[in-house]
Amino acid sequence: MYVDVQGNRVFTDQPKPGDARRVPLTKSNRIAANPTSAGPLIAEGSPEVQALFHYEVLRILIPEPDATIRSNTGEVIVSATNEPALQPGHHYRLLLDGQPTAEPGLSPVFPLSNIDRGSHTLSVEILDEQGRIVERTANQPFHMQRTSLAQKRRIKPCTLEDYGQRPECPLSDRPGEEKNPFLRLF
């Protein structure tokens, strides 16, 4: 360390030309650890816990991240892949918006139907025999576009005969019939 011409302290591992001097180092305060003779703490007679199997790859192939799905029925097929292959006793489970969509199964293909309009997240889990999560994908967003009743109404406006017949034309929205003042006379 030295002080430069502006009065700043400079810390460096390079000596300043001229008045550099060696600083003696004292012995460190290090203590060796005592070796222990105790073995691993495993209870007698208890079964050994097996380490969970690790999959190198688990990802959702379809739909792609941030994909927009256009389906008026709200249908989408989710497909996942993993490496290595699914181990015996392991099962796939699909989560839609953090909730399981069905019971765990052996197929990495999940057909979904009647998904609401808007943004959703998908995630796939692999479960072992005890139902523990072995591997899980990150939440992957997708967007479902469905034609709403208001959009159908704009495309094909309701006529008087359509009220009560088409879902986008409920009877409660039916306009009152026009009163013709001349009909009373006849």
Protein backbone atom coordinates (compact mmCIF):
# COMPACT_ATOMS: atom_id res chain seq x y z
CA MET A 1 0.00 0.00 0.00
CA TYR A 2 1.11 3.54 -0.67
CA VAL A 3 -0.38 7.04 -0.93
CA ASP A 4 -0.42 8.58 -4.41
CA VAL A 5 0.11 12.28 -5.27
CA GLN A 6 -3.63 13.06 -4.84
CA GLY A 7 -3.59 11.60 -1.31
CA ASN A 8 -5.45 8.38 -2.18
CA ARG A 9 -4.44 5.08 -0.63
CA VAL A 10 -3.47 2.57 -3.31
CA PHE A 11 -3.51 -1.15 -2.56
CA THR A 12 -1.57 -3.30 -5.01
CA ASP A 13 0.52 -6.44 -5.23
CA GLN A 14 3.13 -4.60 -7.33
CA PRO A 15 5.81 -2.60 -5.49
CA LYS A 16 6.04 1.13 -6.11
CA PRO A 17 9.34 2.02 -7.75
CA GLY A 18 11.75 3.54 -5.26
CA ASP A 19 10.87 3.18 -1.60
CA ALA A 20 9.27 -0.31 -1.59
CA ARG A 21 10.01 -2.61 1.35
CA ARG A 22 9.10 -6.21 2.12
CA VAL A 23 6.42 -6.80 4.79
CA PRO A 24 6.98 -9.84 7.00
CA LEU A 25 3.96 -12.14 7.37
CA THR A 26 3.14 -13.75 10.67
CA LYS A 27 2.16 -17.39 10.99
CA SER A 28 -1.57 -18.01 10.35
CA ASN A 29 -3.96 -19.02 13.09
CA ARG A 30 -4.95 -22.34 11.47
CA ILE A 31 -5.83 -25.43 13.51
CA ALA A 32 -5.99 -28.92 12.04
CA ALA A 33 -9.28 -30.77 12.43
CA ASN A 34 -9.39 -33.81 14.69
CA PRO A 35 -10.13 -37.00 12.78
CA THR A 36 -13.39 -38.62 13.86
CA SER A 37 -13.93 -42.33 14.14
CA ALA A 38 -17.73 -42.20 13.93
CA GLY A 39 -19.23 -43.84 10.86
CA PRO A 40 -22.31 -42.68 8.99
CA LEU A 41 -25.43 -42.41 11.11
CA ILE A 42 -27.76 -45.10 9.73
CA ALA A 43 -30.26 -46.77 12.02
CA GLU A 44 -29.93 -50.55 12.33
CA GLY A 45 -32.53 -52.44 10.34
CA SER A 46 -33.85 -49.39 8.41
CA PRO A 47 -34.03 -49.74 4.63
CA GLU A 48 -31.57 -47.64 2.70
CA VAL A 49 -33.09 -44.66 0.93
CA GLN A 50 -32.45 -44.85 -2.79
CA ALA A 51 -31.39 -41.72 -4.58
CA LEU A 52 -33.97 -40.38 -7.02
CA PHE A 53 -33.28 -41.13 -10.66
CA HIS A 54 -32.26 -38.06 -12.64
CA TYR A 55 -33.49 -37.39 -16.18
CA GLU A 56 -31.07 -35.39 -18.31
CA VAL A 57 -33.83 -33.83 -20.42
CA LEU A 58 -37.53 -33.23 -19.78
CA ARG A 59 -39.28 -30.65 -21.92
CA ILE A 60 -42.56 -29.80 -23.59
CA LEU A 61 -42.39 -30.11 -27.38
CA ILE A 62 -45.91 -29.00 -28.29
CA PRO A 63 -47.10 -26.30 -27.89
CA GLU A 64 -43.95 -24.25 -28.20
CA PRO A 65 -43.24 -21.66 -25.49
CA ASP A 66 -45.52 -18.60 -25.74
CA ALA A 67 -47.46 -20.20 -28.63
CA THR A 68 -50.91 -18.96 -29.63
CA ILE A 69 -53.47 -21.73 -30.19
CA ARG A 70 -56.60 -20.90 -32.18
CA SER A 71 -59.36 -23.38 -31.40
CA ASN A 72 -63.03 -22.50 -30.97
CA THR A 73 -63.53 -25.72 -28.99
CA GLY A 74 -60.53 -24.96 -26.75
CA GLU A 75 -58.64 -28.10 -27.74
CA VAL A 76 -54.86 -28.49 -27.60
CA ILE A 77 -52.55 -31.50 -27.59
CA VAL A 78 -49.53 -31.29 -25.29
CA SER A 79 -46.52 -33.45 -26.07
CA ALA A 80 -43.44 -33.92 -23.89
CA THR A 81 -40.11 -35.70 -24.31
CA ASN A 82 -37.47 -36.93 -21.92
CA GLU A 83 -34.04 -38.56 -21.98
CA PRO A 84 -33.30 -41.23 -20.95
CA ALA A 85 -36.52 -43.16 -21.50
CA LEU A 86 -39.17 -43.33 -18.79
CA GLN A 87 -38.00 -45.66 -16.03
CA PRO A 88 -40.15 -48.58 -14.80
CA GLY A 89 -42.64 -47.39 -12.19
CA HIS A 90 -42.41 -43.75 -13.29
CA HIS A 91 -45.39 -41.82 -14.70
CA TYR A 92 -46.06 -38.50 -16.46
CA ARG A 93 -48.41 -35.87 -15.05
CA LEU A 94 -49.50 -32.66 -16.81
CA LEU A 95 -50.20 -29.47 -14.88
CA LEU A 96 -52.35 -26.72 -16.40
CA ASP A 97 -52.04 -23.45 -14.49
CA GLY A 98 -50.40 -25.40 -11.65
CA GLN A 99 -53.25 -27.94 -11.31
CA PRO A 100 -53.09 -31.61 -12.43
CA THR A 101 -55.28 -32.25 -15.49
CA ALA A 102 -55.67 -36.02 -14.98
CA GLU A 103 -54.22 -39.02 -13.17
CA PRO A 104 -50.52 -39.75 -13.86
CA GLY A 105 -49.97 -42.03 -16.86
CA LEU A 106 -47.39 -43.64 -19.11
CA SER A 107 -48.05 -41.48 -22.20
CA PRO A 108 -46.18 -38.19 -22.77
CA VAL A 109 -49.09 -36.97 -24.95
CA PHE A 110 -51.94 -35.13 -23.23
CA PRO A 111 -55.10 -34.09 -25.12
CA LEU A 112 -56.87 -31.16 -23.48
CA SER A 113 -60.29 -29.78 -24.36
CA ASN A 114 -62.52 -26.86 -23.43
CA ILE A 115 -59.60 -24.67 -22.32
CA ASP A 116 -60.77 -21.14 -21.55
CA ARG A 117 -59.67 -18.18 -23.64
CA GLY A 118 -56.56 -16.38 -22.43
CA SER A 119 -53.05 -17.12 -21.23
CA HIS A 120 -52.20 -20.35 -19.42
CA THR A 121 -49.11 -22.21 -18.20
CA LEU A 122 -48.18 -25.84 -18.77
CA SER A 123 -45.76 -28.02 -16.85
CA VAL A 124 -44.97 -31.75 -17.04
CA GLU A 125 -43.82 -33.81 -14.07
CA ILE A 126 -42.36 -37.30 -13.85
CA LEU A 127 -43.43 -39.11 -10.68
CA ASP A 128 -41.90 -42.23 -9.13
CA GLU A 129 -43.73 -45.21 -7.56
CA GLN A 130 -44.32 -43.31 -4.31
CA GLY A 131 -45.73 -40.27 -6.13
CA ARG A 132 -42.63 -38.15 -5.51
CA ILE A 133 -41.65 -35.66 -8.20
CA VAL A 134 -38.50 -36.92 -9.92
CA GLU A 135 -38.30 -34.22 -12.59
CA ARG A 136 -40.39 -31.21 -13.60
CA THR A 137 -40.32 -28.76 -16.49
CA ALA A 138 -40.46 -25.03 -15.96
CA ASN A 139 -43.86 -23.40 -16.42
CA GLN A 140 -44.34 -22.81 -20.13
CA PRO A 141 -46.89 -20.19 -21.21
CA PHE A 142 -49.32 -20.51 -24.12
CA HIS A 143 -52.30 -18.47 -25.24
CA MET A 144 -55.71 -19.87 -26.22
CA GLN A 145 -57.78 -17.89 -28.69
CA ARG A 146 -61.44 -18.82 -28.99
CA THR A 147 -64.18 -16.94 -30.74
CA SER A 148 -66.37 -15.35 -28.10
CA LEU A 149 -70.14 -15.02 -28.36
CA ALA A 150 -69.73 -11.26 -28.81
CA GLN A 151 -67.43 -11.86 -31.78
CA LYS A 152 -69.90 -14.33 -33.33
CA ARG A 153 -72.66 -11.76 -32.87
CA ARG A 154 -70.60 -9.10 -34.66
CA ILE A 155 -69.86 -11.44 -37.57
CA LYS A 156 -73.48 -12.53 -37.95
CA PRO A 157 -75.90 -10.21 -36.16
CA CYS A 158 -78.95 -11.77 -34.50
CA THR A 159 -82.30 -11.63 -36.27
CA LEU A 160 -85.63 -11.97 -34.41
CA GLU A 161 -85.79 -15.67 -35.35
CA ASP A 162 -82.25 -16.30 -33.93
CA TYR A 163 -83.10 -15.35 -30.32
CA GLY A 164 -83.30 -18.51 -28.24
CA GLN A 165 -81.82 -20.56 -31.12
CA ARG A 166 -78.16 -19.47 -31.25
CA PRO A 167 -76.04 -19.35 -28.05
CA GLU A 168 -74.89 -15.83 -28.84
CA CYS A 169 -78.53 -14.67 -29.12
CA PRO A 170 -80.17 -15.35 -25.72
CA LEU A 171 -83.88 -14.64 -25.27
CA SER A 172 -83.09 -12.13 -22.54
CA ASP A 173 -81.40 -9.90 -25.16
CA ARG A 174 -84.33 -10.06 -27.59
CA PRO A 175 -85.60 -6.57 -28.36
CA GLY A 176 -89.27 -5.83 -27.79
CA GLU A 177 -91.48 -6.01 -30.86
CA GLU A 178 -92.31 -2.76 -32.54
CA LYS A 179 -95.80 -1.51 -31.83
CA ASN A 180 -97.52 -0.37 -34.92
CA PRO A 181 -100.12 2.28 -34.07
CA PHE A 182 -102.18 1.38 -37.17
CA LEU A 183 -102.75 -2.25 -36.15
CA ARG A 184 -105.27 -1.20 -33.45
CA LEU A 185 -107.52 0.26 -36.07
CA PHE A 186 -107.84 -2.90 -38.12
